[in-house]
ModelCIF file with pLDDT and N, C-alpha, C, O atoms, coordinates in Angstrom:
data_MODEL
#
_entry.id   MODEL 
#
_entity.id                         1 
_entity.type                       polymer 
_entity.pdbx_number_of_molecules   1 
#
_entity_poly.entity_id                      1 
_entity_poly.type                           'polypeptide(L)' 
_entity_poly.nstd_linkage                   no 
_entity_poly.nstd_monomer                   no 
_entity_poly.pdbx_seq_one_letter_code       LFERALLADENIHPEVVRGLLERGVDILAAVQIGLGGAGDASVLRA 
_entity_poly.pdbx_seq_one_letter_code_can   LFERALLADENIHPEVVRGLLERGVDILAAVQIGLGGAGDASVLRA 
_entity_poly.pdbx_strand_id                 A 
#
loop_
_entity_poly_seq.entity_id 
_entity_poly_seq.num 
_entity_poly_seq.mon_id 
_entity_poly_seq.hetero 
1 1  LEU n 
1 2  PHE n 
1 3  GLU n 
1 4  ARG n 
1 5  ALA n 
1 6  LEU n 
1 7  LEU n 
1 8  ALA n 
1 9  ASP n 
1 10 GLU n 
1 11 ASN n 
1 12 ILE n 
1 13 HIS n 
1 14 PRO n 
1 15 GLU n 
1 16 VAL n 
1 17 VAL n 
1 18 ARG n 
1 19 GLY n 
1 20 LEU n 
1 21 LEU n 
1 22 GLU n 
1 23 ARG n 
1 24 GLY n 
1 25 VAL n 
1 26 ASP n 
1 27 ILE n 
1 28 LEU n 
1 29 ALA n 
1 30 ALA n 
1 31 VAL n 
1 32 GLN n 
1 33 ILE n 
1 34 GLY n 
1 35 LEU n 
1 36 GLY n 
1 37 GLY n 
1 38 ALA n 
1 39 GLY n 
1 40 ASP n 
1 41 ALA n 
1 42 SER n 
1 43 VAL n 
1 44 LEU n 
1 45 ARG n 
1 46 ALA n 
#
_struct_asym.id          A 
_struct_asym.entity_id   1 
#
loop_
_ma_qa_metric.id 
_ma_qa_metric.mode 
_ma_qa_metric.name 
_ma_qa_metric.software_group_id 
_ma_qa_metric.type 
1 global pLDDT . pLDDT 
2 local  pLDDT . pLDDT 
#
_ma_qa_metric_global.metric_id      1 
_ma_qa_metric_global.metric_value   95.43 
_ma_qa_metric_global.model_id       1 
_ma_qa_metric_global.ordinal_id     1 
#
loop_
_ma_qa_metric_local.label_asym_id 
_ma_qa_metric_local.label_comp_id 
_ma_qa_metric_local.label_seq_id 
_ma_qa_metric_local.metric_id 
_ma_qa_metric_local.metric_value 
_ma_qa_metric_local.model_id 
_ma_qa_metric_local.ordinal_id 
A LEU 1  2 95.00 1 1  
A PHE 2  2 96.00 1 2  
A GLU 3  2 94.00 1 3  
A ARG 4  2 95.00 1 4  
A ALA 5  2 98.00 1 5  
A LEU 6  2 98.00 1 6  
A LEU 7  2 98.00 1 7  
A ALA 8  2 97.00 1 8  
A ASP 9  2 97.00 1 9  
A GLU 10 2 94.00 1 10 
A ASN 11 2 94.00 1 11 
A ILE 12 2 96.00 1 12 
A HIS 13 2 95.00 1 13 
A PRO 14 2 96.00 1 14 
A GLU 15 2 97.00 1 15 
A VAL 16 2 97.00 1 16 
A VAL 17 2 98.00 1 17 
A ARG 18 2 98.00 1 18 
A GLY 19 2 98.00 1 19 
A LEU 20 2 98.00 1 20 
A LEU 21 2 98.00 1 21 
A GLU 22 2 97.00 1 22 
A ARG 23 2 96.00 1 23 
A GLY 24 2 97.00 1 24 
A VAL 25 2 98.00 1 25 
A ASP 26 2 98.00 1 26 
A ILE 27 2 98.00 1 27 
A LEU 28 2 97.00 1 28 
A ALA 29 2 97.00 1 29 
A ALA 30 2 97.00 1 30 
A VAL 31 2 95.00 1 31 
A GLN 32 2 94.00 1 32 
A ILE 33 2 94.00 1 33 
A GLY 34 2 92.00 1 34 
A LEU 35 2 93.00 1 35 
A GLY 36 2 87.00 1 36 
A GLY 37 2 87.00 1 37 
A ALA 38 2 87.00 1 38 
A GLY 39 2 90.00 1 39 
A ASP 40 2 93.00 1 40 
A ALA 41 2 95.00 1 41 
A SER 42 2 96.00 1 42 
A VAL 43 2 96.00 1 43 
A LEU 44 2 96.00 1 44 
A ARG 45 2 96.00 1 45 
A ALA 46 2 97.00 1 46 
#
loop_
_atom_site.group_PDB 
_atom_site.id 
_atom_site.type_symbol 
_atom_site.label_atom_id 
_atom_site.label_alt_id 
_atom_site.label_comp_id 
_atom_site.label_asym_id 
_atom_site.label_entity_id 
_atom_site.label_seq_id 
_atom_site.pdbx_PDB_ins_code 
_atom_site.Cartn_x 
_atom_site.Cartn_y 
_atom_site.Cartn_z 
_atom_site.occupancy 
_atom_site.B_iso_or_equiv 
_atom_site.pdbx_formal_charge 
_atom_site.auth_seq_id 
_atom_site.auth_comp_id 
_atom_site.auth_asym_id 
_atom_site.auth_atom_id 
_atom_site.pdbx_PDB_model_num 
ATOM 1   N N  . LEU A 1 1  ? 0.794   -1.224 0.000   1.00 95.00 ? 1  LEU A N  1 
ATOM 2   C CA . LEU A 1 1  ? 0.000   0.000  0.000   1.00 95.00 ? 1  LEU A CA 1 
ATOM 3   C C  . LEU A 1 1  ? 0.828   1.277  0.000   1.00 95.00 ? 1  LEU A C  1 
ATOM 4   O O  . LEU A 1 1  ? 0.540   2.192  -0.771  1.00 95.00 ? 1  LEU A O  1 
ATOM 5   N N  . PHE A 1 2  ? 1.838   1.360  0.835   1.00 96.00 ? 2  PHE A N  1 
ATOM 6   C CA . PHE A 1 2  ? 2.569   2.614  0.981   1.00 96.00 ? 2  PHE A CA 1 
ATOM 7   C C  . PHE A 1 2  ? 3.640   2.819  -0.092  1.00 96.00 ? 2  PHE A C  1 
ATOM 8   O O  . PHE A 1 2  ? 4.371   3.807  -0.042  1.00 96.00 ? 2  PHE A O  1 
ATOM 9   N N  . GLU A 1 3  ? 3.745   1.917  -1.049  1.00 94.00 ? 3  GLU A N  1 
ATOM 10  C CA . GLU A 1 3  ? 4.693   2.080  -2.148  1.00 94.00 ? 3  GLU A CA 1 
ATOM 11  C C  . GLU A 1 3  ? 4.159   3.023  -3.214  1.00 94.00 ? 3  GLU A C  1 
ATOM 12  O O  . GLU A 1 3  ? 4.884   3.398  -4.135  1.00 94.00 ? 3  GLU A O  1 
ATOM 13  N N  . ARG A 1 4  ? 2.915   3.401  -3.094  1.00 95.00 ? 4  ARG A N  1 
ATOM 14  C CA . ARG A 1 4  ? 2.275   4.298  -4.045  1.00 95.00 ? 4  ARG A CA 1 
ATOM 15  C C  . ARG A 1 4  ? 1.735   5.504  -3.289  1.00 95.00 ? 4  ARG A C  1 
ATOM 16  O O  . ARG A 1 4  ? 1.418   5.397  -2.104  1.00 95.00 ? 4  ARG A O  1 
ATOM 17  N N  . ALA A 1 5  ? 1.627   6.628  -3.942  1.00 98.00 ? 5  ALA A N  1 
ATOM 18  C CA . ALA A 1 5  ? 1.091   7.836  -3.320  1.00 98.00 ? 5  ALA A CA 1 
ATOM 19  C C  . ALA A 1 5  ? -0.391  7.669  -3.009  1.00 98.00 ? 5  ALA A C  1 
ATOM 20  O O  . ALA A 1 5  ? -1.119  7.000  -3.741  1.00 98.00 ? 5  ALA A O  1 
ATOM 21  N N  . LEU A 1 6  ? -0.829  8.289  -1.910  1.00 98.00 ? 6  LEU A N  1 
ATOM 22  C CA . LEU A 1 6  ? -2.215  8.207  -1.464  1.00 98.00 ? 6  LEU A CA 1 
ATOM 23  C C  . LEU A 1 6  ? -2.887  9.570  -1.531  1.00 98.00 ? 6  LEU A C  1 
ATOM 24  O O  . LEU A 1 6  ? -2.232  10.610 -1.459  1.00 98.00 ? 6  LEU A O  1 
ATOM 25  N N  . LEU A 1 7  ? -4.211  9.541  -1.670  1.00 98.00 ? 7  LEU A N  1 
ATOM 26  C CA . LEU A 1 7  ? -5.035  10.746 -1.571  1.00 98.00 ? 7  LEU A CA 1 
ATOM 27  C C  . LEU A 1 7  ? -6.132  10.448 -0.560  1.00 98.00 ? 7  LEU A C  1 
ATOM 28  O O  . LEU A 1 7  ? -6.970  9.574  -0.780  1.00 98.00 ? 7  LEU A O  1 
ATOM 29  N N  . ALA A 1 8  ? -6.121  11.177 0.545   1.00 97.00 ? 8  ALA A N  1 
ATOM 30  C CA . ALA A 1 8  ? -7.111  10.981 1.600   1.00 97.00 ? 8  ALA A CA 1 
ATOM 31  C C  . ALA A 1 8  ? -8.366  11.777 1.271   1.00 97.00 ? 8  ALA A C  1 
ATOM 32  O O  . ALA A 1 8  ? -8.313  12.995 1.097   1.00 97.00 ? 8  ALA A O  1 
ATOM 33  N N  . ASP A 1 9  ? -9.485  11.085 1.189   1.00 97.00 ? 9  ASP A N  1 
ATOM 34  C CA . ASP A 1 9  ? -10.769 11.740 1.014   1.00 97.00 ? 9  ASP A CA 1 
ATOM 35  C C  . ASP A 1 9  ? -10.992 12.668 2.207   1.00 97.00 ? 9  ASP A C  1 
ATOM 36  O O  . ASP A 1 9  ? -10.357 12.499 3.248   1.00 97.00 ? 9  ASP A O  1 
ATOM 37  N N  . GLU A 1 10 ? -11.879 13.636 2.067   1.00 94.00 ? 10 GLU A N  1 
ATOM 38  C CA . GLU A 1 10 ? -12.067 14.604 3.147   1.00 94.00 ? 10 GLU A CA 1 
ATOM 39  C C  . GLU A 1 10 ? -12.641 13.988 4.413   1.00 94.00 ? 10 GLU A C  1 
ATOM 40  O O  . GLU A 1 10 ? -12.616 14.627 5.465   1.00 94.00 ? 10 GLU A O  1 
ATOM 41  N N  . ASN A 1 11 ? -13.159 12.766 4.345   1.00 94.00 ? 11 ASN A N  1 
ATOM 42  C CA . ASN A 1 11 ? -13.686 12.126 5.553   1.00 94.00 ? 11 ASN A CA 1 
ATOM 43  C C  . ASN A 1 11 ? -12.611 11.387 6.358   1.00 94.00 ? 11 ASN A C  1 
ATOM 44  O O  . ASN A 1 11 ? -12.907 10.818 7.409   1.00 94.00 ? 11 ASN A O  1 
ATOM 45  N N  . ILE A 1 12 ? -11.390 11.394 5.879   1.00 96.00 ? 12 ILE A N  1 
ATOM 46  C CA . ILE A 1 12 ? -10.274 10.816 6.626   1.00 96.00 ? 12 ILE A CA 1 
ATOM 47  C C  . ILE A 1 12 ? -9.727  11.910 7.553   1.00 96.00 ? 12 ILE A C  1 
ATOM 48  O O  . ILE A 1 12 ? -9.377  13.002 7.106   1.00 96.00 ? 12 ILE A O  1 
ATOM 49  N N  . HIS A 1 13 ? -9.664  11.603 8.820   1.00 95.00 ? 13 HIS A N  1 
ATOM 50  C CA . HIS A 1 13 ? -9.282  12.597 9.824   1.00 95.00 ? 13 HIS A CA 1 
ATOM 51  C C  . HIS A 1 13 ? -7.853  13.102 9.578   1.00 95.00 ? 13 HIS A C  1 
ATOM 52  O O  . HIS A 1 13 ? -6.972  12.322 9.216   1.00 95.00 ? 13 HIS A O  1 
ATOM 53  N N  . PRO A 1 14 ? -7.628  14.405 9.774   1.00 96.00 ? 14 PRO A N  1 
ATOM 54  C CA . PRO A 1 14 ? -6.273  14.964 9.593   1.00 96.00 ? 14 PRO A CA 1 
ATOM 55  C C  . PRO A 1 14 ? -5.208  14.268 10.432  1.00 96.00 ? 14 PRO A C  1 
ATOM 56  O O  . PRO A 1 14 ? -4.046  14.232 10.025  1.00 96.00 ? 14 PRO A O  1 
ATOM 57  N N  . GLU A 1 15 ? -5.564  13.714 11.591  1.00 97.00 ? 15 GLU A N  1 
ATOM 58  C CA . GLU A 1 15 ? -4.583  12.974 12.398  1.00 97.00 ? 15 GLU A CA 1 
ATOM 59  C C  . GLU A 1 15 ? -4.070  11.741 11.663  1.00 97.00 ? 15 GLU A C  1 
ATOM 60  O O  . GLU A 1 15 ? -2.914  11.352 11.828  1.00 97.00 ? 15 GLU A O  1 
ATOM 61  N N  . VAL A 1 16 ? -4.927  11.128 10.853  1.00 97.00 ? 16 VAL A N  1 
ATOM 62  C CA . VAL A 1 16 ? -4.507  9.967  10.065  1.00 97.00 ? 16 VAL A CA 1 
ATOM 63  C C  . VAL A 1 16 ? -3.502  10.415 9.010   1.00 97.00 ? 16 VAL A C  1 
ATOM 64  O O  . VAL A 1 16 ? -2.465  9.779  8.818   1.00 97.00 ? 16 VAL A O  1 
ATOM 65  N N  . VAL A 1 17 ? -3.814  11.507 8.332   1.00 98.00 ? 17 VAL A N  1 
ATOM 66  C CA . VAL A 1 17 ? -2.888  12.034 7.322   1.00 98.00 ? 17 VAL A CA 1 
ATOM 67  C C  . VAL A 1 17 ? -1.557  12.386 7.969   1.00 98.00 ? 17 VAL A C  1 
ATOM 68  O O  . VAL A 1 17 ? -0.498  12.045 7.444   1.00 98.00 ? 17 VAL A O  1 
ATOM 69  N N  . ARG A 1 18 ? -1.609  13.063 9.099   1.00 98.00 ? 18 ARG A N  1 
ATOM 70  C CA . ARG A 1 18 ? -0.378  13.435 9.826   1.00 98.00 ? 18 ARG A CA 1 
ATOM 71  C C  . ARG A 1 18 ? 0.411   12.191 10.228  1.00 98.00 ? 18 ARG A C  1 
ATOM 72  O O  . ARG A 1 18 ? 1.632   12.150 10.076  1.00 98.00 ? 18 ARG A O  1 
ATOM 73  N N  . GLY A 1 19 ? -0.279  11.189 10.736  1.00 98.00 ? 19 GLY A N  1 
ATOM 74  C CA . GLY A 1 19 ? 0.387   9.949  11.152  1.00 98.00 ? 19 GLY A CA 1 
ATOM 75  C C  . GLY A 1 19 ? 1.082   9.249  10.001  1.00 98.00 ? 19 GLY A C  1 
ATOM 76  O O  . GLY A 1 19 ? 2.174   8.706  10.167  1.00 98.00 ? 19 GLY A O  1 
ATOM 77  N N  . LEU A 1 20 ? 0.454   9.261  8.835   1.00 98.00 ? 20 LEU A N  1 
ATOM 78  C CA . LEU A 1 20 ? 1.075   8.632  7.670   1.00 98.00 ? 20 LEU A CA 1 
ATOM 79  C C  . LEU A 1 20 ? 2.264   9.450  7.172   1.00 98.00 ? 20 LEU A C  1 
ATOM 80  O O  . LEU A 1 20 ? 3.287   8.891  6.775   1.00 98.00 ? 20 LEU A O  1 
ATOM 81  N N  . LEU A 1 21 ? 2.128   10.763 7.193   1.00 98.00 ? 21 LEU A N  1 
ATOM 82  C CA . LEU A 1 21 ? 3.267   11.612 6.810   1.00 98.00 ? 21 LEU A CA 1 
ATOM 83  C C  . LEU A 1 21 ? 4.463   11.367 7.722   1.00 98.00 ? 21 LEU A C  1 
ATOM 84  O O  . LEU A 1 21 ? 5.603   11.311 7.260   1.00 98.00 ? 21 LEU A O  1 
ATOM 85  N N  . GLU A 1 22 ? 4.200   11.220 9.019   1.00 97.00 ? 22 GLU A N  1 
ATOM 86  C CA . GLU A 1 22 ? 5.272   10.939 9.975   1.00 97.00 ? 22 GLU A CA 1 
ATOM 87  C C  . GLU A 1 22 ? 5.944   9.603  9.702   1.00 97.00 ? 22 GLU A C  1 
ATOM 88  O O  . GLU A 1 22 ? 7.102   9.407  10.069  1.00 97.00 ? 22 GLU A O  1 
ATOM 89  N N  . ARG A 1 23 ? 5.232   8.685  9.063   1.00 96.00 ? 23 ARG A N  1 
ATOM 90  C CA . ARG A 1 23 ? 5.779   7.372  8.698   1.00 96.00 ? 23 ARG A CA 1 
ATOM 91  C C  . ARG A 1 23 ? 6.479   7.413  7.344   1.00 96.00 ? 23 ARG A C  1 
ATOM 92  O O  . ARG A 1 23 ? 6.991   6.396  6.876   1.00 96.00 ? 23 ARG A O  1 
ATOM 93  N N  . GLY A 1 24 ? 6.503   8.579  6.716   1.00 97.00 ? 24 GLY A N  1 
ATOM 94  C CA . GLY A 1 24 ? 7.170   8.724  5.427   1.00 97.00 ? 24 GLY A CA 1 
ATOM 95  C C  . GLY A 1 24 ? 6.305   8.374  4.236   1.00 97.00 ? 24 GLY A C  1 
ATOM 96  O O  . GLY A 1 24 ? 6.820   8.195  3.133   1.00 97.00 ? 24 GLY A O  1 
ATOM 97  N N  . VAL A 1 25 ? 5.001   8.272  4.437   1.00 98.00 ? 25 VAL A N  1 
ATOM 98  C CA . VAL A 1 25 ? 4.088   7.920  3.350   1.00 98.00 ? 25 VAL A CA 1 
ATOM 99  C C  . VAL A 1 25 ? 3.778   9.176  2.538   1.00 98.00 ? 25 VAL A C  1 
ATOM 100 O O  . VAL A 1 25 ? 3.554   10.248 3.099   1.00 98.00 ? 25 VAL A O  1 
ATOM 101 N N  . ASP A 1 26 ? 3.767   9.035  1.224   1.00 98.00 ? 26 ASP A N  1 
ATOM 102 C CA . ASP A 1 26 ? 3.389   10.129 0.320   1.00 98.00 ? 26 ASP A CA 1 
ATOM 103 C C  . ASP A 1 26 ? 1.865   10.203 0.303   1.00 98.00 ? 26 ASP A C  1 
ATOM 104 O O  . ASP A 1 26 ? 1.211   9.406  -0.370  1.00 98.00 ? 26 ASP A O  1 
ATOM 105 N N  . ILE A 1 27 ? 1.303   11.150 1.036   1.00 98.00 ? 27 ILE A N  1 
ATOM 106 C CA . ILE A 1 27 ? -0.146  11.299 1.120   1.00 98.00 ? 27 ILE A CA 1 
ATOM 107 C C  . ILE A 1 27 ? -0.524  12.768 1.082   1.00 98.00 ? 27 ILE A C  1 
ATOM 108 O O  . ILE A 1 27 ? 0.139   13.616 1.679   1.00 98.00 ? 27 ILE A O  1 
ATOM 109 N N  . LEU A 1 28 ? -1.590  13.045 0.375   1.00 97.00 ? 28 LEU A N  1 
ATOM 110 C CA . LEU A 1 28 ? -2.194  14.376 0.348   1.00 97.00 ? 28 LEU A CA 1 
ATOM 111 C C  . LEU A 1 28 ? -3.631  14.238 0.822   1.00 97.00 ? 28 LEU A C  1 
ATOM 112 O O  . LEU A 1 28 ? -4.277  13.216 0.589   1.00 97.00 ? 28 LEU A O  1 
ATOM 113 N N  . ALA A 1 29 ? -4.121  15.266 1.482   1.00 97.00 ? 29 ALA A N  1 
ATOM 114 C CA . ALA A 1 29 ? -5.534  15.328 1.829   1.00 97.00 ? 29 ALA A CA 1 
ATOM 115 C C  . ALA A 1 29 ? -6.265  16.047 0.698   1.00 97.00 ? 29 ALA A C  1 
ATOM 116 O O  . ALA A 1 29 ? -5.731  16.985 0.105   1.00 97.00 ? 29 ALA A O  1 
ATOM 117 N N  . ALA A 1 30 ? -7.472  15.612 0.405   1.00 97.00 ? 30 ALA A N  1 
ATOM 118 C CA . ALA A 1 30 ? -8.251  16.219 -0.671  1.00 97.00 ? 30 ALA A CA 1 
ATOM 119 C C  . ALA A 1 30 ? -8.366  17.727 -0.494  1.00 97.00 ? 30 ALA A C  1 
ATOM 120 O O  . ALA A 1 30 ? -8.310  18.474 -1.470  1.00 97.00 ? 30 ALA A O  1 
ATOM 121 N N  . VAL A 1 31 ? -8.528  18.176 0.750   1.00 95.00 ? 31 VAL A N  1 
ATOM 122 C CA . VAL A 1 31 ? -8.658  19.615 0.994   1.00 95.00 ? 31 VAL A CA 1 
ATOM 123 C C  . VAL A 1 31 ? -7.378  20.377 0.644   1.00 95.00 ? 31 VAL A C  1 
ATOM 124 O O  . VAL A 1 31 ? -7.438  21.564 0.322   1.00 95.00 ? 31 VAL A O  1 
ATOM 125 N N  . GLN A 1 32 ? -6.229  19.713 0.703   1.00 94.00 ? 32 GLN A N  1 
ATOM 126 C CA . GLN A 1 32 ? -4.956  20.365 0.378   1.00 94.00 ? 32 GLN A CA 1 
ATOM 127 C C  . GLN A 1 32 ? -4.864  20.734 -1.099  1.00 94.00 ? 32 GLN A C  1 
ATOM 128 O O  . GLN A 1 32 ? -4.144  21.662 -1.469  1.00 94.00 ? 32 GLN A O  1 
ATOM 129 N N  . ILE A 1 33 ? -5.587  20.010 -1.933  1.00 94.00 ? 33 ILE A N  1 
ATOM 130 C CA . ILE A 1 33 ? -5.493  20.256 -3.377  1.00 94.00 ? 33 ILE A CA 1 
ATOM 131 C C  . ILE A 1 33 ? -6.798  20.832 -3.930  1.00 94.00 ? 33 ILE A C  1 
ATOM 132 O O  . ILE A 1 33 ? -7.115  20.675 -5.110  1.00 94.00 ? 33 ILE A O  1 
ATOM 133 N N  . GLY A 1 34 ? -7.545  21.501 -3.050  1.00 92.00 ? 34 GLY A N  1 
ATOM 134 C CA . GLY A 1 34 ? -8.747  22.201 -3.478  1.00 92.00 ? 34 GLY A CA 1 
ATOM 135 C C  . GLY A 1 34 ? -9.960  21.341 -3.719  1.00 92.00 ? 34 GLY A C  1 
ATOM 136 O O  . GLY A 1 34 ? -10.882 21.750 -4.424  1.00 92.00 ? 34 GLY A O  1 
ATOM 137 N N  . LEU A 1 35 ? -9.976  20.141 -3.140  1.00 93.00 ? 35 LEU A N  1 
ATOM 138 C CA . LEU A 1 35 ? -11.104 19.235 -3.359  1.00 93.00 ? 35 LEU A CA 1 
ATOM 139 C C  . LEU A 1 35 ? -12.009 19.099 -2.142  1.00 93.00 ? 35 LEU A C  1 
ATOM 140 O O  . LEU A 1 35 ? -12.810 18.167 -2.076  1.00 93.00 ? 35 LEU A O  1 
ATOM 141 N N  . GLY A 1 36 ? -11.900 20.003 -1.187  1.00 87.00 ? 36 GLY A N  1 
ATOM 142 C CA . GLY A 1 36 ? -12.809 19.995 -0.053  1.00 87.00 ? 36 GLY A CA 1 
ATOM 143 C C  . GLY A 1 36 ? -14.222 20.271 -0.552  1.00 87.00 ? 36 GLY A C  1 
ATOM 144 O O  . GLY A 1 36 ? -14.452 21.289 -1.204  1.00 87.00 ? 36 GLY A O  1 
ATOM 145 N N  . GLY A 1 37 ? -15.158 19.397 -0.265  1.00 87.00 ? 37 GLY A N  1 
ATOM 146 C CA . GLY A 1 37 ? -16.533 19.558 -0.713  1.00 87.00 ? 37 GLY A CA 1 
ATOM 147 C C  . GLY A 1 37 ? -16.777 19.097 -2.138  1.00 87.00 ? 37 GLY A C  1 
ATOM 148 O O  . GLY A 1 37 ? -17.909 19.148 -2.619  1.00 87.00 ? 37 GLY A O  1 
ATOM 149 N N  . ALA A 1 38 ? -15.732 18.647 -2.820  1.00 87.00 ? 38 ALA A N  1 
ATOM 150 C CA . ALA A 1 38 ? -15.889 18.167 -4.200  1.00 87.00 ? 38 ALA A CA 1 
ATOM 151 C C  . ALA A 1 38 ? -16.581 16.807 -4.199  1.00 87.00 ? 38 ALA A C  1 
ATOM 152 O O  . ALA A 1 38 ? -16.527 16.074 -3.211  1.00 87.00 ? 38 ALA A O  1 
ATOM 153 N N  . GLY A 1 39 ? -17.211 16.488 -5.281  1.00 90.00 ? 39 GLY A N  1 
ATOM 154 C CA . GLY A 1 39 ? -17.860 15.189 -5.415  1.00 90.00 ? 39 GLY A CA 1 
ATOM 155 C C  . GLY A 1 39 ? -16.849 14.062 -5.513  1.00 90.00 ? 39 GLY A C  1 
ATOM 156 O O  . GLY A 1 39 ? -15.679 14.275 -5.834  1.00 90.00 ? 39 GLY A O  1 
ATOM 157 N N  . ASP A 1 40 ? -17.323 12.866 -5.232  1.00 93.00 ? 40 ASP A N  1 
ATOM 158 C CA . ASP A 1 40 ? -16.445 11.698 -5.256  1.00 93.00 ? 40 ASP A CA 1 
ATOM 159 C C  . ASP A 1 40 ? -15.815 11.477 -6.627  1.00 93.00 ? 40 ASP A C  1 
ATOM 160 O O  . ASP A 1 40 ? -14.655 11.074 -6.721  1.00 93.00 ? 40 ASP A O  1 
ATOM 161 N N  . ALA A 1 41 ? -16.573 11.738 -7.689  1.00 95.00 ? 41 ALA A N  1 
ATOM 162 C CA . ALA A 1 41 ? -16.029 11.547 -9.038  1.00 95.00 ? 41 ALA A CA 1 
ATOM 163 C C  . ALA A 1 41 ? -14.841 12.478 -9.280  1.00 95.00 ? 41 ALA A C  1 
ATOM 164 O O  . ALA A 1 41 ? -13.870 12.091 -9.930  1.00 95.00 ? 41 ALA A O  1 
ATOM 165 N N  . SER A 1 42 ? -14.917 13.699 -8.759  1.00 96.00 ? 42 SER A N  1 
ATOM 166 C CA . SER A 1 42 ? -13.810 14.644 -8.915  1.00 96.00 ? 42 SER A CA 1 
ATOM 167 C C  . SER A 1 42 ? -12.573 14.182 -8.150  1.00 96.00 ? 42 SER A C  1 
ATOM 168 O O  . SER A 1 42 ? -11.449 14.300 -8.637  1.00 96.00 ? 42 SER A O  1 
ATOM 169 N N  . VAL A 1 43 ? -12.795 13.658 -6.953  1.00 96.00 ? 43 VAL A N  1 
ATOM 170 C CA . VAL A 1 43 ? -11.683 13.150 -6.142  1.00 96.00 ? 43 VAL A CA 1 
ATOM 171 C C  . VAL A 1 43 ? -11.040 11.956 -6.838  1.00 96.00 ? 43 VAL A C  1 
ATOM 172 O O  . VAL A 1 43 ? -9.815  11.848 -6.885  1.00 96.00 ? 43 VAL A O  1 
ATOM 173 N N  . LEU A 1 44 ? -11.861 11.066 -7.376  1.00 96.00 ? 44 LEU A N  1 
ATOM 174 C CA . LEU A 1 44 ? -11.336 9.882  -8.060  1.00 96.00 ? 44 LEU A CA 1 
ATOM 175 C C  . LEU A 1 44 ? -10.540 10.277 -9.306  1.00 96.00 ? 44 LEU A C  1 
ATOM 176 O O  . LEU A 1 44 ? -9.485  9.704  -9.578  1.00 96.00 ? 44 LEU A O  1 
ATOM 177 N N  . ARG A 1 45 ? -11.040 11.245 -10.050 1.00 96.00 ? 45 ARG A N  1 
ATOM 178 C CA . ARG A 1 45 ? -10.315 11.721 -11.246 1.00 96.00 ? 45 ARG A CA 1 
ATOM 179 C C  . ARG A 1 45 ? -8.979  12.356 -10.873 1.00 96.00 ? 45 ARG A C  1 
ATOM 180 O O  . ARG A 1 45 ? -7.970  12.119 -11.537 1.00 96.00 ? 45 ARG A O  1 
ATOM 181 N N  . ALA A 1 46 ? -8.971  13.160 -9.814  1.00 97.00 ? 46 ALA A N  1 
ATOM 182 C CA . ALA A 1 46 ? -7.726  13.798 -9.379  1.00 97.00 ? 46 ALA A CA 1 
ATOM 183 C C  . ALA A 1 46 ? -6.713  12.752 -8.939  1.00 97.00 ? 46 ALA A C  1 
ATOM 184 O O  . ALA A 1 46 ? -5.601  13.100 -8.539  1.00 97.00 ? 46 ALA A O  1 
#
């Protein structure tokens, strides 16, 4: 799983994103890339 970059949907708690970053995982939160409130199809496309 962690060999590939991740995108956390907005329902994933920021503590989870922080915890993965601390483990060296390449992860972005949807809100970080302007997808807060975006539909699921938009998140999947991004």
